[in-house]
């Protein structure tokens, strides 16, 4: 009987130990800025307003430049649903109206790597990438968990050391 107790303790320790390690390796949506982050209190509402271009400058008057991934990017779809609370068609309708008022939509860059490179050298730029693409050239201002059932593997498949 003592052997079973010992095994049970090891199993319990293994579950407790594995919990944080597994969590830390999960891919998330990383909202990033240049190392000198814009002077804003980043939360979901502020981020939504930056991406809908309702907020144009930060607290120091630096022009904000939100950037998107391409429309067919799974991460852009997640970001659009979670932060903007819209699907693609209502968002397109919104930008069609804004365009006629002189407001253009966020820049679109081709890949997570392009977003990281642009953000790193552009004051006021705000973007999002899969957390596996973040490096020390940018500052993470927010991490958003992926919705349940989202496949992580495709988000990092083109990145060295991907899960």
Protein backbone atom coordinates (compact mmCIF):
# COMPACT_ATOMS: atom_id res chain seq x y z
CA UNK A 1 0.00 0.00 0.00
CA UNK A 2 2.76 2.58 0.67
CA UNK A 3 3.97 2.17 -2.93
CA UNK A 4 0.58 3.29 -4.24
CA UNK A 5 0.61 6.36 -1.98
CA UNK A 6 4.09 7.22 -3.29
CA UNK A 7 2.91 6.86 -6.90
CA UNK A 8 -0.18 8.94 -6.15
CA UNK A 9 2.01 11.70 -4.68
CA UNK A 10 4.28 11.63 -7.73
CA UNK A 11 1.27 11.76 -10.03
CA UNK A 12 -0.21 14.67 -8.12
CA UNK A 13 3.17 16.46 -8.20
CA UNK A 14 3.40 15.80 -11.94
CA UNK A 15 -0.04 17.33 -12.54
CA UNK A 16 0.74 20.37 -10.44
CA UNK A 17 4.16 20.79 -12.04
CA UNK A 18 2.89 20.25 -15.60
CA UNK A 19 0.11 22.84 -15.24
CA UNK A 20 2.16 26.05 -15.46
CA UNK A 21 4.61 24.60 -17.99
CA UNK A 22 1.76 23.68 -20.34
CA UNK A 23 0.10 27.07 -19.84
CA UNK A 24 3.29 28.98 -20.55
CA UNK A 25 3.75 27.19 -23.87
CA UNK A 26 0.25 28.03 -25.12
CA UNK A 27 0.04 30.39 -28.04
CA UNK A 28 -1.80 33.63 -27.35
CA UNK A 29 -2.56 36.80 -29.28
CA UNK A 30 0.18 39.27 -28.32
CA UNK A 31 -0.69 42.94 -28.75
CA UNK A 32 2.62 44.70 -29.37
CA UNK A 33 4.09 48.19 -29.65
CA UNK A 34 7.54 49.65 -30.20
CA UNK A 35 9.79 49.48 -27.13
CA UNK A 36 8.74 53.05 -26.24
CA UNK A 37 5.07 52.11 -25.94
CA UNK A 38 2.39 54.73 -26.69
CA UNK A 39 1.16 56.46 -23.57
CA UNK A 40 -2.19 54.71 -23.32
CA UNK A 41 -3.77 52.46 -20.74
CA UNK A 42 -4.24 49.40 -22.93
CA UNK A 43 -7.39 47.41 -22.32
CA UNK A 44 -9.82 45.82 -24.77
CA UNK A 45 -11.96 48.96 -25.13
CA UNK A 46 -8.97 51.22 -25.79
CA UNK A 47 -7.53 48.72 -28.27
CA UNK A 48 -10.90 48.55 -30.05
CA UNK A 49 -11.00 52.34 -30.31
CA UNK A 50 -7.43 52.47 -31.65
CA UNK A 51 -8.26 49.87 -34.33
CA UNK A 52 -11.53 51.58 -35.29
CA UNK A 53 -9.53 54.84 -35.43
CA UNK A 54 -11.64 56.56 -32.82
CA UNK A 55 -8.40 57.33 -30.94
CA UNK A 56 -5.78 58.90 -33.21
CA UNK A 57 -2.99 59.95 -30.82
CA UNK A 58 -1.58 58.84 -27.48
CA UNK A 59 -1.20 60.94 -24.32
CA UNK A 60 1.97 62.58 -25.71
CA UNK A 61 0.40 63.46 -29.06
CA UNK A 62 2.16 60.66 -30.97
CA UNK A 63 0.09 59.52 -33.95
CA UNK A 64 -1.13 55.93 -33.51
CA UNK A 65 -0.69 53.50 -36.40
CA UNK A 66 -2.66 50.27 -35.93
CA UNK A 67 -1.66 47.42 -38.25
CA UNK A 68 -3.56 44.31 -39.29
CA UNK A 69 -2.63 40.95 -40.65
CA UNK A 70 -4.15 39.98 -44.04
CA UNK A 71 -7.90 39.37 -44.19
CA UNK A 72 -7.40 35.61 -44.66
CA UNK A 73 -5.23 35.29 -41.54
CA UNK A 74 -6.86 33.13 -38.83
CA UNK A 75 -5.34 35.42 -36.18
CA UNK A 76 -6.96 38.48 -37.77
CA UNK A 77 -10.32 36.72 -37.61
CA UNK A 78 -9.81 36.00 -33.92
CA UNK A 79 -8.69 39.57 -33.22
CA UNK A 80 -11.65 40.99 -35.12
CA UNK A 81 -14.15 38.88 -33.16
CA UNK A 82 -12.55 39.24 -29.72
CA UNK A 83 -11.51 42.90 -29.78
CA UNK A 84 -13.68 44.58 -32.41
CA UNK A 85 -16.76 42.40 -31.77
CA UNK A 86 -17.46 42.24 -35.50
CA UNK A 87 -17.33 39.77 -38.31
CA UNK A 88 -15.63 40.67 -41.61
CA UNK A 89 -18.69 42.04 -43.45
CA UNK A 90 -19.85 44.49 -40.76
CA UNK A 91 -16.24 45.59 -40.38
CA UNK A 92 -15.98 46.17 -44.16
CA UNK A 93 -19.22 48.20 -44.03
CA UNK A 94 -17.78 50.27 -41.16
CA UNK A 95 -14.62 51.07 -43.15
CA UNK A 96 -16.61 51.88 -46.29
CA UNK A 97 -18.46 54.57 -44.28
CA UNK A 98 -15.26 55.81 -42.60
CA UNK A 99 -13.44 56.06 -45.91
CA UNK A 100 -15.95 58.65 -47.16
CA UNK A 101 -15.26 60.67 -44.01
CA UNK A 102 -11.53 60.67 -44.74
CA UNK A 103 -10.56 57.87 -42.32
CA UNK A 104 -8.70 54.93 -43.80
CA UNK A 105 -8.51 51.46 -42.22
CA UNK A 106 -5.40 50.17 -40.43
CA UNK A 107 -2.39 49.21 -42.53
CA UNK A 108 -2.23 45.56 -43.57
CA UNK A 109 1.08 43.72 -43.43
CA UNK A 110 1.73 40.31 -44.98
CA UNK A 111 2.89 38.25 -41.99
CA UNK A 112 3.52 38.13 -38.25
CA UNK A 113 7.21 38.74 -38.95
CA UNK A 114 6.42 41.83 -41.03
CA UNK A 115 4.21 43.16 -38.22
CA UNK A 116 6.99 42.66 -35.65
CA UNK A 117 9.57 44.38 -37.89
CA UNK A 118 7.25 47.34 -38.62
CA UNK A 119 6.17 47.78 -35.00
CA UNK A 120 9.78 47.65 -33.74
CA UNK A 121 10.80 50.73 -35.75
CA UNK A 122 7.58 52.75 -35.90
CA UNK A 123 6.69 55.04 -32.97
CA UNK A 124 2.96 54.86 -32.23
CA UNK A 125 2.46 51.59 -34.10
CA UNK A 126 0.22 48.97 -32.51
CA UNK A 127 -0.16 45.44 -33.83
CA UNK A 128 -0.95 41.87 -32.90
CA UNK A 129 0.81 38.60 -33.66
CA UNK A 130 0.85 35.04 -32.38
CA UNK A 131 2.90 35.11 -29.18
CA UNK A 132 5.44 32.68 -30.66
CA UNK A 133 6.55 35.44 -33.07
CA UNK A 134 7.34 38.06 -30.42
CA UNK A 135 10.99 38.97 -29.87
CA UNK A 136 12.86 41.54 -27.80
CA UNK A 137 12.52 44.26 -30.45
CA UNK A 138 8.90 44.94 -29.40
CA UNK A 139 6.94 45.48 -26.20
CA UNK A 140 3.93 43.32 -25.30
CA UNK A 141 1.12 45.48 -23.92
CA UNK A 142 -1.55 42.78 -23.74
CA UNK A 143 -1.92 39.02 -24.10
CA UNK A 144 -5.25 37.61 -25.20
CA UNK A 145 -6.00 33.89 -24.88
CA UNK A 146 -7.15 32.12 -28.00
CA UNK A 147 -10.84 31.18 -28.01
CA UNK A 148 -11.57 27.57 -27.07
CA UNK A 149 -11.22 25.20 -29.98
CA UNK A 150 -8.73 27.36 -31.89
CA UNK A 151 -5.92 25.34 -33.47
CA UNK A 152 -2.61 26.75 -32.25
CA UNK A 153 -0.33 24.80 -34.56
CA UNK A 154 -1.14 26.75 -37.73
CA UNK A 155 -0.40 30.06 -36.03
CA UNK A 156 3.26 29.20 -35.47
CA UNK A 157 3.90 26.67 -38.23
CA UNK A 158 6.16 29.05 -40.18
CA UNK A 159 8.16 30.09 -37.13
CA UNK A 160 11.38 28.41 -36.01
CA UNK A 161 10.90 26.59 -32.72
CA UNK A 162 7.15 26.51 -33.15
CA UNK A 163 5.15 24.15 -30.93
